[in-house]
PDB file of all heavy atoms in Angstrom:
ATOM      1  N   THR A   1      86.674  72.543-101.615  1.00  0.00           N
ATOM      2  CA  THR A   1      85.956  73.611-102.309  1.00  0.00           C
ATOM      3  C   THR A   1      84.834  73.027-103.154  1.00  0.00           C
ATOM      4  O   THR A   1      84.986  72.001-103.782  1.00  0.00           O
ATOM      5  CB  THR A   1      86.893  74.397-103.252  1.00  0.00           C
ATOM      6  OG1 THR A   1      87.947  73.563-103.668  1.00  0.00           O
ATOM      7  CG2 THR A   1      87.390  75.644-102.639  1.00  0.00           C
ATOM      8  N   THR A   2      83.723  73.726-103.150  1.00  0.00           N
ATOM      9  CA  THR A   2      82.590  73.315-103.967  1.00  0.00           C
ATOM     10  C   THR A   2      82.585  74.150-105.235  1.00  0.00           C
ATOM     11  O   THR A   2      82.641  75.371-105.172  1.00  0.00           O
ATOM     12  CB  THR A   2      81.268  73.550-103.205  1.00  0.00           C
ATOM     13  OG1 THR A   2      81.378  72.927-101.945  1.00  0.00           O
ATOM     14  CG2 THR A   2      80.103  72.980-103.960  1.00  0.00           C
ATOM     15  N   ILE A   3      82.549  73.485-106.351  1.00  0.00           N
ATOM     16  CA  ILE A   3      82.494  74.189-107.629  1.00  0.00           C
ATOM     17  C   ILE A   3      81.025  74.299-108.014  1.00  0.00           C
ATOM     18  O   ILE A   3      80.337  73.288-108.176  1.00  0.00           O
ATOM     19  CB  ILE A   3      83.278  73.437-108.721  1.00  0.00           C
ATOM     20  CG1 ILE A   3      84.754  73.324-108.309  1.00  0.00           C
ATOM     21  CG2 ILE A   3      83.134  74.107-110.057  1.00  0.00           C
ATOM     22  CD1 ILE A   3      85.569  72.442-109.211  1.00  0.00           C
ATOM     23  N   SER A   4      80.558  75.548-108.131  1.00  0.00           N
ATOM     24  CA  SER A   4      79.159  75.719-108.524  1.00  0.00           C
ATOM     25  C   SER A   4      79.055  75.590-110.034  1.00  0.00           C
ATOM     26  O   SER A   4      79.922  76.025-110.777  1.00  0.00           O
ATOM     27  CB  SER A   4      78.630  77.074-108.064  1.00  0.00           C
ATOM     28  OG  SER A   4      79.329  78.094-108.724  1.00  0.00           O
ATOM     29  N   LYS A   5      77.982  74.983-110.456  1.00  0.00           N
ATOM     30  CA  LYS A   5      77.776  74.781-111.884  1.00  0.00           C
ATOM     31  C   LYS A   5      77.090  76.002-112.472  1.00  0.00           C
ATOM     32  O   LYS A   5      76.297  76.657-111.820  1.00  0.00           O
ATOM     33  CB  LYS A   5      76.949  73.524-112.109  1.00  0.00           C
ATOM     34  CG  LYS A   5      77.706  72.271-111.688  1.00  0.00           C
ATOM     35  CD  LYS A   5      76.982  71.041-112.143  1.00  0.00           C
ATOM     36  CE  LYS A   5      77.823  69.829-111.810  1.00  0.00           C
ATOM     37  NZ  LYS A   5      77.318  68.644-112.453  1.00  0.00           N
ATOM     38  N   ALA A   6      77.404  76.267-113.712  1.00  0.00           N
ATOM     39  CA  ALA A   6      76.909  77.462-114.394  1.00  0.00           C
ATOM     40  C   ALA A   6      75.439  77.351-114.764  1.00  0.00           C
ATOM     41  O   ALA A   6      74.880  76.272-114.906  1.00  0.00           O
ATOM     42  CB  ALA A   6      77.727  77.702-115.664  1.00  0.00           C
ATOM     43  N   VAL A   7      74.843  78.516-114.925  1.00  0.00           N
ATOM     44  CA  VAL A   7      73.508  78.625-115.506  1.00  0.00           C
ATOM     45  C   VAL A   7      73.729  78.937-116.984  1.00  0.00           C
ATOM     46  O   VAL A   7      74.423  79.885-117.331  1.00  0.00           O
ATOM     47  CB  VAL A   7      72.681  79.747-114.839  1.00  0.00           C
ATOM     48  CG1 VAL A   7      71.366  79.945-115.572  1.00  0.00           C
ATOM     49  CG2 VAL A   7      72.450  79.442-113.370  1.00  0.00           C
ATOM     50  N   ALA A   8      73.171  78.091-117.841  1.00  0.00           N
ATOM     51  CA  ALA A   8      73.288  78.289-119.279  1.00  0.00           C
ATOM     52  C   ALA A   8      71.932  78.727-119.814  1.00  0.00           C
ATOM     53  O   ALA A   8      70.900  78.169-119.451  1.00  0.00           O
ATOM     54  CB  ALA A   8      73.717  76.990-119.958  1.00  0.00           C
ATOM     55  N   CYS A   9      71.946  79.754-120.662  1.00  0.00           N
ATOM     56  CA  CYS A   9      70.720  80.252-121.265  1.00  0.00           C
ATOM     57  C   CYS A   9      70.798  80.023-122.763  1.00  0.00           C
ATOM     58  O   CYS A   9      71.771  80.433-123.402  1.00  0.00           O
ATOM     59  CB  CYS A   9      70.531  81.730-120.960  1.00  0.00           C
ATOM     60  SG  CYS A   9      70.386  82.048-119.191  1.00  0.00           S
ATOM     61  N   TYR A  10      69.787  79.360-123.302  1.00  0.00           N
ATOM     62  CA  TYR A  10      69.769  79.074-124.730  1.00  0.00           C
ATOM     63  C   TYR A  10      68.667  79.882-125.404  1.00  0.00           C
ATOM     64  O   TYR A  10      67.516  79.885-124.969  1.00  0.00           O
ATOM     65  CB  TYR A  10      69.532  77.578-124.993  1.00  0.00           C
ATOM     66  CG  TYR A  10      69.512  77.269-126.466  1.00  0.00           C
ATOM     67  CD1 TYR A  10      70.688  77.285-127.209  1.00  0.00           C
ATOM     68  CD2 TYR A  10      68.328  77.010-127.125  1.00  0.00           C
ATOM     69  CE1 TYR A  10      70.679  77.037-128.569  1.00  0.00           C
ATOM     70  CE2 TYR A  10      68.300  76.757-128.487  1.00  0.00           C
ATOM     71  CZ  TYR A  10      69.485  76.770-129.200  1.00  0.00           C
ATOM     72  OH  TYR A  10      69.472  76.540-130.559  1.00  0.00           O
ATOM     73  N   VAL A  11      69.054  80.571-126.482  1.00  0.00           N
ATOM     74  CA  VAL A  11      68.137  81.401-127.258  1.00  0.00           C
ATOM     75  C   VAL A  11      68.277  80.976-128.721  1.00  0.00           C
ATOM     76  O   VAL A  11      69.388  80.773-129.215  1.00  0.00           O
ATOM     77  CB  VAL A  11      68.500  82.897-127.108  1.00  0.00           C
ATOM     78  CG1 VAL A  11      67.654  83.763-128.022  1.00  0.00           C
ATOM     79  CG2 VAL A  11      68.372  83.336-125.662  1.00  0.00           C
ATOM     80  N   ARG A  12      67.119  80.843-129.393  1.00  0.00           N
ATOM     81  CA  ARG A  12      67.143  80.517-130.821  1.00  0.00           C
ATOM     82  C   ARG A  12      66.091  81.340-131.541  1.00  0.00           C
ATOM     83  O   ARG A  12      64.953  81.443-131.087  1.00  0.00           O
ATOM     84  CB  ARG A  12      66.839  79.029-131.049  1.00  0.00           C
ATOM     85  CG  ARG A  12      66.828  78.638-132.529  1.00  0.00           C
ATOM     86  CD  ARG A  12      66.419  77.190-132.748  1.00  0.00           C
ATOM     87  NE  ARG A  12      65.066  76.886-132.309  1.00  0.00           N
ATOM     88  CZ  ARG A  12      63.961  77.183-132.994  1.00  0.00           C
ATOM     89  NH1 ARG A  12      64.034  77.823-134.149  1.00  0.00           N
ATOM     90  NH2 ARG A  12      62.761  76.869-132.520  1.00  0.00           N
ATOM     91  N   VAL A  13      66.499  81.955-132.654  1.00  0.00           N
ATOM     92  CA  VAL A  13      65.553  82.602-133.557  1.00  0.00           C
ATOM     93  C   VAL A  13      65.699  81.926-134.916  1.00  0.00           C
ATOM     94  O   VAL A  13      66.796  81.555-135.319  1.00  0.00           O
ATOM     95  CB  VAL A  13      65.750  84.137-133.658  1.00  0.00           C
ATOM     96  CG1 VAL A  13      65.347  84.817-132.364  1.00  0.00           C
ATOM     97  CG2 VAL A  13      67.168  84.502-134.031  1.00  0.00           C
ATOM     98  N   SER A  14      64.590  81.754-135.602  1.00  0.00           N
ATOM     99  CA  SER A  14      64.563  80.957-136.825  1.00  0.00           C
ATOM    100  C   SER A  14      65.172  81.639-138.035  1.00  0.00           C
ATOM    101  O   SER A  14      65.675  80.971-138.924  1.00  0.00           O
ATOM    102  CB  SER A  14      63.125  80.554-137.153  1.00  0.00           C
ATOM    103  OG  SER A  14      62.585  79.825-136.080  1.00  0.00           O
ATOM    104  N   THR A  15      65.112  82.959-138.094  1.00  0.00           N
ATOM    105  CA  THR A  15      65.667  83.656-139.250  1.00  0.00           C
ATOM    106  C   THR A  15      66.706  84.676-138.798  1.00  0.00           C
ATOM    107  O   THR A  15      66.655  85.172-137.669  1.00  0.00           O
ATOM    108  CB  THR A  15      64.573  84.391-140.056  1.00  0.00           C
ATOM    109  OG1 THR A  15      64.017  85.426-139.243  1.00  0.00           O
ATOM    110  CG2 THR A  15      63.480  83.436-140.506  1.00  0.00           C
ATOM    111  N   VAL A  16      67.626  84.974-139.695  1.00  0.00           N
ATOM    112  CA  VAL A  16      68.685  85.930-139.380  1.00  0.00           C
ATOM    113  C   VAL A  16      68.105  87.305-139.100  1.00  0.00           C
ATOM    114  O   VAL A  16      68.614  88.061-138.291  1.00  0.00           O
ATOM    115  CB  VAL A  16      69.718  85.986-140.534  1.00  0.00           C
ATOM    116  CG1 VAL A  16      70.789  87.016-140.272  1.00  0.00           C
ATOM    117  CG2 VAL A  16      70.355  84.611-140.745  1.00  0.00           C
ATOM    118  N   GLY A  17      66.978  87.633-139.745  1.00  0.00           N
ATOM    119  CA  GLY A  17      66.343  88.935-139.568  1.00  0.00           C
ATOM    120  C   GLY A  17      65.658  89.113-138.224  1.00  0.00           C
ATOM    121  O   GLY A  17      65.351  90.230-137.825  1.00  0.00           O
ATOM    122  N   GLN A  18      65.391  88.018-137.533  1.00  0.00           N
ATOM    123  CA  GLN A  18      64.731  88.125-136.233  1.00  0.00           C
ATOM    124  C   GLN A  18      65.734  88.565-135.176  1.00  0.00           C
ATOM    125  O   GLN A  18      66.934  88.343-135.291  1.00  0.00           O
ATOM    126  CB  GLN A  18      64.118  86.779-135.824  1.00  0.00           C
ATOM    127  CG  GLN A  18      62.907  86.410-136.650  1.00  0.00           C
ATOM    128  CD  GLN A  18      62.384  85.035-136.255  1.00  0.00           C
ATOM    129  OE1 GLN A  18      63.131  84.099-136.070  1.00  0.00           O
ATOM    130  NE2 GLN A  18      61.066  84.937-136.152  1.00  0.00           N
ATOM    131  N   ASN A  19      65.193  89.172-134.132  1.00  0.00           N
ATOM    132  CA  ASN A  19      66.027  89.676-133.049  1.00  0.00           C
ATOM    133  C   ASN A  19      65.780  88.842-131.807  1.00  0.00           C
ATOM    134  O   ASN A  19      64.625  88.623-131.426  1.00  0.00           O
ATOM    135  CB  ASN A  19      65.664  91.150-132.806  1.00  0.00           C
ATOM    136  CG  ASN A  19      66.605  91.826-131.862  1.00  0.00           C
ATOM    137  OD1 ASN A  19      67.240  91.196-131.016  1.00  0.00           O
ATOM    138  ND2 ASN A  19      66.702  93.132-131.989  1.00  0.00           N
ATOM    139  N   GLU A  20      66.852  88.416-131.173  1.00  0.00           N
ATOM    140  CA  GLU A  20      66.718  87.585-129.974  1.00  0.00           C
ATOM    141  C   GLU A  20      66.560  88.407-128.696  1.00  0.00           C
ATOM    142  O   GLU A  20      66.452  87.852-127.603  1.00  0.00           O
ATOM    143  CB  GLU A  20      67.910  86.631-129.844  1.00  0.00           C
ATOM    144  CG  GLU A  20      69.205  87.270-129.405  1.00  0.00           C
ATOM    145  CD  GLU A  20      70.057  87.851-130.522  1.00  0.00           C
ATOM    146  OE1 GLU A  20      69.629  87.867-131.688  1.00  0.00           O
ATOM    147  OE2 GLU A  20      71.161  88.291-130.213  1.00  0.00           O
ATOM    148  N   ALA A  21      66.527  89.729-128.818  1.00  0.00           N
ATOM    149  CA  ALA A  21      66.489  90.612-127.645  1.00  0.00           C
ATOM    150  C   ALA A  21      65.283  90.348-126.743  1.00  0.00           C
ATOM    151  O   ALA A  21      65.407  90.401-125.516  1.00  0.00           O
ATOM    152  CB  ALA A  21      66.511  92.080-128.075  1.00  0.00           C
ATOM    153  N   GLY A  22      64.126  90.062-127.319  1.00  0.00           N
ATOM    154  CA  GLY A  22      62.936  89.803-126.509  1.00  0.00           C
ATOM    155  C   GLY A  22      63.094  88.566-125.640  1.00  0.00           C
ATOM    156  O   GLY A  22      62.770  88.577-124.446  1.00  0.00           O
ATOM    157  N   GLN A  23      63.603  87.489-126.239  1.00  0.00           N
ATOM    158  CA  GLN A  23      63.842  86.263-125.464  1.00  0.00           C
ATOM    159  C   GLN A  23      64.875  86.521-124.368  1.00  0.00           C
ATOM    160  O   GLN A  23      64.697  86.121-123.218  1.00  0.00           O
ATOM    161  CB  GLN A  23      64.354  85.142-126.375  1.00  0.00           C
ATOM    162  CG  GLN A  23      63.324  84.612-127.337  1.00  0.00           C
ATOM    163  CD  GLN A  23      63.871  83.494-128.198  1.00  0.00           C
ATOM    164  OE1 GLN A  23      64.551  82.601-127.719  1.00  0.00           O
ATOM    165  NE2 GLN A  23      63.568  83.551-129.490  1.00  0.00           N
ATOM    166  N   ARG A  24      65.956  87.200-124.748  1.00  0.00           N
ATOM    167  CA  ARG A  24      67.028  87.472-123.791  1.00  0.00           C
ATOM    168  C   ARG A  24      66.512  88.306-122.613  1.00  0.00           C
ATOM    169  O   ARG A  24      66.820  88.036-121.458  1.00  0.00           O
ATOM    170  CB  ARG A  24      68.185  88.186-124.487  1.00  0.00           C
ATOM    171  CG  ARG A  24      69.403  88.367-123.602  1.00  0.00           C
ATOM    172  CD  ARG A  24      70.510  89.108-124.334  1.00  0.00           C
ATOM    173  NE  ARG A  24      71.220  88.290-125.266  1.00  0.00           N
ATOM    174  CZ  ARG A  24      72.393  87.720-124.995  1.00  0.00           C
ATOM    175  NH1 ARG A  24      72.944  87.872-123.819  1.00  0.00           N
ATOM    176  NH2 ARG A  24      73.002  86.996-125.904  1.00  0.00           N
ATOM    177  N   ALA A  25      65.690  89.322-122.904  1.00  0.00           N
ATOM    178  CA  ALA A  25      65.156  90.191-121.850  1.00  0.00           C
ATOM    179  C   ALA A  25      64.298  89.406-120.862  1.00  0.00           C
ATOM    180  O   ALA A  25      64.400  89.599-119.643  1.00  0.00           O
ATOM    181  CB  ALA A  25      64.356  91.337-122.464  1.00  0.00           C
ATOM    182  N   GLU A  26      63.439  88.520-121.390  1.00  0.00           N
ATOM    183  CA  GLU A  26      62.589  87.707-120.514  1.00  0.00           C
ATOM    184  C   GLU A  26      63.417  86.766-119.651  1.00  0.00           C
ATOM    185  O   GLU A  26      63.142  86.583-118.461  1.00  0.00           O
ATOM    186  CB  GLU A  26      61.577  86.899-121.337  1.00  0.00           C
ATOM    187  CG  GLU A  26      60.478  87.736-121.928  1.00  0.00           C
ATOM    188  CD  GLU A  26      59.575  88.362-120.874  1.00  0.00           C
ATOM    189  OE1 GLU A  26      59.215  87.691-119.892  1.00  0.00           O
ATOM    190  OE2 GLU A  26      59.239  89.545-121.041  1.00  0.00           O
TER     191      GLU A  26
END
């Protein structure tokens, strides 16, 4: 069996008030 490796997505926003939704959507 071949184990496929995961796709990892990293998102960072600098302040707690910022929303990561734009990065996530793209």
